């Protein structure tokens, strides 16, 4: 299989585990069977919203879901059976250092579902703890090599948390870090990981406010033999306006093929359902509408360059 993926990819990610279980439900592990079922049922609600969006005009060829095995095994099976694009998380949730969720058995768990993508979330700051970076890189090389040989494409979600020194350099201003420091670190991280033999088909990266930073990220992602590698922008649980800005900026750059916006899409709807303030049908409809809105923002900004297939949504943007 050739390296890279350059088709439109509009992901609805709901593989959140540690933060979702604690933040949405207030549960602490180990969960009881009834608590586990409640979390899993809420993910079925999100999936219902995804399917409703498809029923209202989103093209299946462009759409996909990212979900975890722990709470979403039945969802993965259903989605794969219906030939939807699927991505399966492989990392241990809630850990600052990347570890496989199922240790040395990671390949068996991927093969049990045969997703389109094996996805990993990694916190990697090239100016951070060198020993941690080396350990993570070794594990990531295992996953990258496995994907290159065994079939699922490799999706890499890169987060670059600031070090104390970096935050001190911007006087603890998170906005300044995001604008002035993080883009450079992201570029350094991509280069370092590539040089270590880690070869994603898709980079899932934090939003960037400047077009020139998006352009440079694509240049690095596609350097050398990587001409078809794609980039998608993640939502990072940001507010609506920030997500729109990130989508508009990324969509204007060839090489950014889509997005993965999760909590900003589903969180409020699920919370209202769990609180009894919305019916299941109302919550699913809200999730579907918000997902369609992100697609509309991305497509109206970037058009459909390079023969992309439109997702054919009627929404014109977030309400």
Protein backbone atom coordinates (compact mmCIF):
# COMPACT_ATOMS: atom_id res chain seq x y z
CA UNK A 1 0.00 0.00 0.00
CA UNK A 2 1.31 3.42 -0.96
CA UNK A 3 2.14 5.83 1.82
CA UNK A 4 -0.43 8.56 2.33
CA UNK A 5 -4.11 9.36 2.12
CA UNK A 6 -5.28 12.40 0.16
CA UNK A 7 -9.05 11.92 -0.12
CA UNK A 8 -11.46 14.13 1.83
CA UNK A 9 -11.73 12.92 5.42
CA UNK A 10 -14.29 14.39 7.79
CA UNK A 11 -13.96 12.51 11.05
CA UNK A 12 -16.30 12.52 14.02
CA UNK A 13 -13.99 11.41 16.85
CA UNK A 14 -15.45 10.06 20.08
CA UNK A 15 -12.67 7.81 21.31
CA UNK A 16 -12.35 9.92 24.47
CA UNK A 17 -12.11 7.73 27.56
CA UNK A 18 -10.42 9.04 30.72
CA UNK A 19 -11.50 12.68 30.31
CA UNK A 20 -14.94 11.68 29.01
CA UNK A 21 -15.74 9.23 31.79
CA UNK A 22 -14.70 11.69 34.50
CA UNK A 23 -15.88 14.92 32.89
CA UNK A 24 -19.21 13.80 31.50
CA UNK A 25 -20.26 11.27 34.15
CA UNK A 26 -18.07 11.88 37.18
CA UNK A 27 -17.11 8.19 37.23
CA UNK A 28 -13.81 6.92 38.59
CA UNK A 29 -12.22 3.65 37.48
CA UNK A 30 -12.72 0.83 37.84
CA UNK A 31 -16.22 1.25 36.43
CA UNK A 32 -19.08 -0.97 37.45
CA UNK A 33 -20.83 -2.87 34.63
CA UNK A 34 -23.76 -0.43 34.75
CA UNK A 35 -21.43 2.57 34.55
CA UNK A 36 -19.61 1.01 31.61
CA UNK A 37 -22.91 0.40 29.84
CA UNK A 38 -24.00 3.99 30.39
CA UNK A 39 -20.80 5.35 28.84
CA UNK A 40 -21.06 2.92 25.92
CA UNK A 41 -24.70 3.89 25.37
CA UNK A 42 -23.76 7.57 25.18
CA UNK A 43 -21.29 6.70 22.43
CA UNK A 44 -24.06 4.91 20.56
CA UNK A 45 -25.95 8.20 20.76
CA UNK A 46 -23.03 10.02 19.12
CA UNK A 47 -22.87 7.34 16.44
CA UNK A 48 -26.61 7.80 15.83
CA UNK A 49 -25.88 11.48 15.17
CA UNK A 50 -23.19 10.51 12.67
CA UNK A 51 -25.55 8.20 10.80
CA UNK A 52 -28.26 10.85 10.81
CA UNK A 53 -25.84 13.26 9.14
CA UNK A 54 -25.24 10.70 6.41
CA UNK A 55 -28.99 10.32 5.97
CA UNK A 56 -29.20 14.09 5.45
CA UNK A 57 -26.69 14.36 2.66
CA UNK A 58 -23.15 13.82 3.95
CA UNK A 59 -21.34 11.60 1.45
CA UNK A 60 -20.18 8.33 3.04
CA UNK A 61 -17.02 8.49 0.92
CA UNK A 62 -15.89 11.56 2.89
CA UNK A 63 -17.18 10.69 6.36
CA UNK A 64 -15.70 8.60 9.15
CA UNK A 65 -15.66 7.89 12.84
CA UNK A 66 -12.87 7.50 15.38
CA UNK A 67 -13.81 5.43 18.41
CA UNK A 68 -12.21 3.25 21.07
CA UNK A 69 -12.55 -0.48 21.62
CA UNK A 70 -13.37 -0.21 25.33
CA UNK A 71 -16.71 1.55 24.90
CA UNK A 72 -17.25 1.33 21.16
CA UNK A 73 -16.54 -2.22 20.02
CA UNK A 74 -20.10 -2.78 18.80
CA UNK A 75 -20.05 0.60 17.04
CA UNK A 76 -16.85 -0.32 15.19
CA UNK A 77 -18.32 -3.62 14.07
CA UNK A 78 -21.49 -1.94 12.85
CA UNK A 79 -19.61 0.82 11.03
CA UNK A 80 -17.23 -1.60 9.34
CA UNK A 81 -20.14 -3.81 8.32
CA UNK A 82 -21.78 -0.75 6.72
CA UNK A 83 -18.48 0.14 5.02
CA UNK A 84 -17.99 3.45 6.80
CA UNK A 85 -14.46 4.75 7.24
CA UNK A 86 -13.28 3.82 10.73
CA UNK A 87 -10.32 4.74 12.89
CA UNK A 88 -9.44 2.83 16.06
CA UNK A 89 -7.49 4.41 18.93
CA UNK A 90 -4.46 2.42 20.09
CA UNK A 91 -3.06 4.56 22.93
CA UNK A 92 -3.61 4.21 26.65
CA UNK A 93 -6.00 6.98 27.68
CA UNK A 94 -5.06 9.56 30.30
CA UNK A 95 -1.30 8.99 30.10
CA UNK A 96 1.15 11.81 29.41
CA UNK A 97 3.57 9.32 27.83
CA UNK A 98 2.42 7.17 24.95
CA UNK A 99 1.81 3.55 25.88
CA UNK A 100 -0.18 0.99 23.91
CA UNK A 101 -3.65 0.42 25.37
CA UNK A 102 -3.17 -3.33 25.08
CA UNK A 103 0.60 -3.52 25.38
CA UNK A 104 2.35 -6.03 23.15
CA UNK A 105 -1.04 -7.35 22.01
CA UNK A 106 -1.82 -4.09 20.14
CA UNK A 107 -1.75 -5.80 16.74
CA UNK A 108 -4.27 -8.45 17.78
CA UNK A 109 -6.73 -5.78 18.88
CA UNK A 110 -6.35 -3.86 15.63
CA UNK A 111 -6.83 -7.02 13.56
CA UNK A 112 -9.96 -7.94 15.52
CA UNK A 113 -11.69 -4.96 13.92
CA UNK A 114 -9.73 -4.29 10.73
CA UNK A 115 -10.28 -0.51 10.76
CA UNK A 116 -9.26 1.77 7.91
CA UNK A 117 -6.89 3.60 10.29
CA UNK A 118 -4.96 2.71 13.41
CA UNK A 119 -4.78 6.00 15.30
CA UNK A 120 -2.40 7.10 18.01
CA UNK A 121 -2.46 10.22 20.18
CA UNK A 122 0.96 11.41 21.33
CA UNK A 123 2.11 14.35 23.42
CA UNK A 124 5.50 15.18 21.96
CA UNK A 125 7.40 18.39 22.53
CA UNK A 126 10.80 18.30 20.75
CA UNK A 127 12.23 20.56 23.46
CA UNK A 128 10.69 18.52 26.26
CA UNK A 129 11.95 15.48 28.19
CA UNK A 130 14.42 13.76 25.84
CA UNK A 131 14.17 10.39 27.57
CA UNK A 132 10.37 10.37 27.30
CA UNK A 133 10.61 11.34 23.62
CA UNK A 134 13.04 8.48 22.95
CA UNK A 135 10.79 5.93 24.65
CA UNK A 136 7.73 7.16 22.79
CA UNK A 137 9.56 7.16 19.49
CA UNK A 138 10.57 3.51 19.91
CA UNK A 139 6.96 2.45 20.55
CA UNK A 140 5.67 4.60 17.71
CA UNK A 141 8.15 3.01 15.32
CA UNK A 142 6.62 -0.37 16.21
CA UNK A 143 3.16 0.84 15.26
CA UNK A 144 4.35 2.61 12.12
CA UNK A 145 6.21 -0.49 10.90
CA UNK A 146 3.20 -2.67 11.67
CA UNK A 147 0.88 -0.44 9.64
CA UNK A 148 3.26 -0.32 6.69
CA UNK A 149 3.36 -4.12 6.55
CA UNK A 150 -0.04 -5.25 7.79
CA UNK A 151 -2.56 -3.04 6.10
CA UNK A 152 -4.35 -0.45 8.25
CA UNK A 153 -3.34 3.08 7.47
CA UNK A 154 -1.60 5.02 10.22
CA UNK A 155 -3.12 8.19 11.71
CA UNK A 156 -0.95 10.22 14.08
CA UNK A 157 -2.57 12.76 16.42
CA UNK A 158 0.16 15.15 17.53
CA UNK A 159 -0.24 17.33 20.61
CA UNK A 160 2.57 19.67 21.63
CA UNK A 161 2.07 20.66 25.27
CA UNK A 162 4.22 23.55 26.41
CA UNK A 163 7.10 23.12 28.81
CA UNK A 164 7.37 25.37 31.85
CA UNK A 165 10.21 27.27 30.19
CA UNK A 166 8.21 27.82 27.02
CA UNK A 167 5.24 29.17 28.97
CA UNK A 168 7.55 31.43 30.96
CA UNK A 169 8.87 32.76 27.64
CA UNK A 170 5.38 33.96 26.70
CA UNK A 171 4.50 35.11 30.23
CA UNK A 172 2.00 32.26 30.74
CA UNK A 173 -0.08 33.46 27.79
CA UNK A 174 -1.58 30.33 26.17
CA UNK A 175 -2.78 32.28 23.14
CA UNK A 176 0.74 33.59 22.55
CA UNK A 177 2.14 30.08 22.86
CA UNK A 178 -0.35 28.77 20.29
CA UNK A 179 0.44 31.54 17.83
CA UNK A 180 4.13 32.22 18.33
CA UNK A 181 5.71 29.02 19.63
CA UNK A 182 3.61 25.93 18.96
CA UNK A 183 3.77 26.06 15.12
CA UNK A 184 7.58 25.93 15.18
CA UNK A 185 7.55 23.05 17.66
CA UNK A 186 5.02 21.13 15.58
CA UNK A 187 7.23 21.42 12.53
CA UNK A 188 10.25 20.26 14.50
CA UNK A 189 8.25 17.34 15.88
CA UNK A 190 7.11 16.18 12.43
CA UNK A 191 10.65 16.31 11.11
CA UNK A 192 12.10 14.47 14.10
CA UNK A 193 9.47 11.73 13.96
CA UNK A 194 9.91 11.24 10.23
CA UNK A 195 13.66 11.00 10.66
CA UNK A 196 13.08 8.30 13.29
CA UNK A 197 11.22 6.20 10.72
CA UNK A 198 7.67 7.02 11.80
CA UNK A 199 5.49 7.35 8.70
CA UNK A 200 1.82 8.29 9.17
CA UNK A 201 -0.57 8.34 6.26
CA UNK A 202 -2.47 11.16 7.96
CA UNK A 203 -1.29 13.73 10.51
CA UNK A 204 -4.05 14.83 12.87
CA UNK A 205 -2.80 18.14 14.23
CA UNK A 206 -3.82 21.02 16.44
CA UNK A 207 -5.37 23.99 14.67
CA UNK A 208 -3.21 26.78 13.32
CA UNK A 209 -4.33 30.39 12.97
CA UNK A 210 -1.95 31.39 10.16
CA UNK A 211 -2.14 30.09 6.62
CA UNK A 212 1.63 30.16 6.23
CA UNK A 213 2.00 27.79 9.19
CA UNK A 214 -0.47 25.37 7.59
CA UNK A 215 1.46 25.55 4.33
CA UNK A 216 4.74 24.79 6.06
CA UNK A 217 3.20 21.86 7.94
CA UNK A 218 2.06 20.34 4.65
CA UNK A 219 5.49 20.89 3.12
CA UNK A 220 7.08 18.91 5.93
CA UNK A 221 4.39 16.23 6.01
CA UNK A 222 4.82 15.69 2.25
CA UNK A 223 8.55 16.07 1.86
CA UNK A 224 10.52 13.47 -0.06
CA UNK A 225 8.53 10.35 -0.91
CA UNK A 226 5.48 11.42 1.11
CA UNK A 227 3.62 13.30 -1.63
CA UNK A 228 0.18 11.87 -0.80
CA UNK A 229 0.30 12.22 3.01
CA UNK A 230 -2.69 14.17 4.30
CA UNK A 231 -3.26 16.52 7.23
CA UNK A 232 -6.47 16.99 9.18
CA UNK A 233 -7.14 19.59 11.85
CA UNK A 234 -8.44 18.62 15.29
CA UNK A 235 -10.84 20.62 17.41
CA UNK A 236 -9.12 20.36 20.81
CA UNK A 237 -12.45 21.02 22.57
CA UNK A 238 -12.16 24.67 21.56
CA UNK A 239 -15.09 27.04 21.33
CA UNK A 240 -17.09 27.28 18.14
CA UNK A 241 -15.43 30.40 16.75
CA UNK A 242 -11.92 29.06 17.23
CA UNK A 243 -12.84 25.79 15.52
CA UNK A 244 -14.30 27.74 12.59
CA UNK A 245 -11.11 29.80 12.31
CA UNK A 246 -8.93 26.69 12.32
CA UNK A 247 -11.12 24.96 9.73
CA UNK A 248 -11.19 27.98 7.45
CA UNK A 249 -7.42 28.42 7.64
CA UNK A 250 -6.66 24.75 7.03
CA UNK A 251 -9.21 24.38 4.23
CA UNK A 252 -7.48 27.07 2.20
CA UNK A 253 -4.29 24.98 2.00
CA UNK A 254 -3.91 22.03 -0.37
CA UNK A 255 -2.84 19.01 1.66
CA UNK A 256 -5.31 19.62 4.46
CA UNK A 257 -7.93 17.07 3.54
CA UNK A 258 -10.39 17.50 6.41
CA UNK A 259 -10.85 17.59 10.14
CA UNK A 260 -11.57 15.64 13.32
CA UNK A 261 -13.76 17.72 15.63
CA UNK A 262 -15.16 15.74 18.54
CA UNK A 263 -16.08 17.33 21.85
CA UNK A 264 -17.17 20.62 20.28
CA UNK A 265 -19.54 18.52 18.17
CA UNK A 266 -21.11 16.21 20.73
CA UNK A 267 -20.38 17.31 24.30
CA UNK A 268 -23.27 19.70 24.96
CA UNK A 269 -25.79 17.45 23.24
CA UNK A 270 -24.75 14.39 25.23
CA UNK A 271 -24.63 16.39 28.48
CA UNK A 272 -28.18 17.65 27.90
CA UNK A 273 -29.39 14.14 27.16
CA UNK A 274 -27.74 12.76 30.30
CA UNK A 275 -29.28 15.57 32.36
CA UNK A 276 -32.73 14.92 30.95
CA UNK A 277 -32.83 18.26 29.15
CA UNK A 278 -32.98 16.71 25.67
CA UNK A 279 -34.48 13.55 24.24
CA UNK A 280 -32.24 11.03 22.58
CA UNK A 281 -33.62 12.03 19.19
CA UNK A 282 -33.01 15.73 19.87
CA UNK A 283 -29.44 15.10 21.01
CA UNK A 284 -28.63 12.96 17.97
CA UNK A 285 -30.09 15.62 15.67
CA UNK A 286 -27.92 18.32 17.27
CA UNK A 287 -24.80 16.20 16.81
CA UNK A 288 -25.68 15.56 13.17
CA UNK A 289 -26.32 19.24 12.54
CA UNK A 290 -23.05 20.38 14.10
CA UNK A 291 -21.04 17.76 12.19
CA UNK A 292 -22.66 18.88 8.93
CA UNK A 293 -21.88 22.49 9.78
CA UNK A 294 -18.17 21.79 10.14
CA UNK A 295 -18.20 20.14 6.72
CA UNK A 296 -19.95 23.16 5.24
CA UNK A 297 -17.35 25.52 6.74
CA UNK A 298 -14.47 23.43 5.43
CA UNK A 299 -15.87 23.04 1.93
CA UNK A 300 -17.08 26.58 1.39
CA UNK A 301 -13.65 27.90 2.41
CA UNK A 302 -11.44 25.51 0.51
CA UNK A 303 -13.63 24.48 -2.37
CA UNK A 304 -12.96 20.99 -3.65
CA UNK A 305 -9.43 21.13 -5.12
CA UNK A 306 -7.73 18.16 -6.68
CA UNK A 307 -10.92 16.33 -7.57
CA UNK A 308 -12.25 16.02 -4.04
CA UNK A 309 -15.73 14.62 -3.66
CA UNK A 310 -18.01 17.07 -1.93
CA UNK A 311 -19.83 15.92 1.14
CA UNK A 312 -22.96 17.58 -0.25
CA UNK A 313 -24.37 19.22 2.85
CA UNK A 314 -26.95 21.95 2.87
CA UNK A 315 -25.78 23.69 6.04
CA UNK A 316 -24.07 27.02 5.53
CA UNK A 317 -22.19 27.24 8.78
CA UNK A 318 -22.59 27.10 12.53
CA UNK A 319 -25.76 28.71 13.79
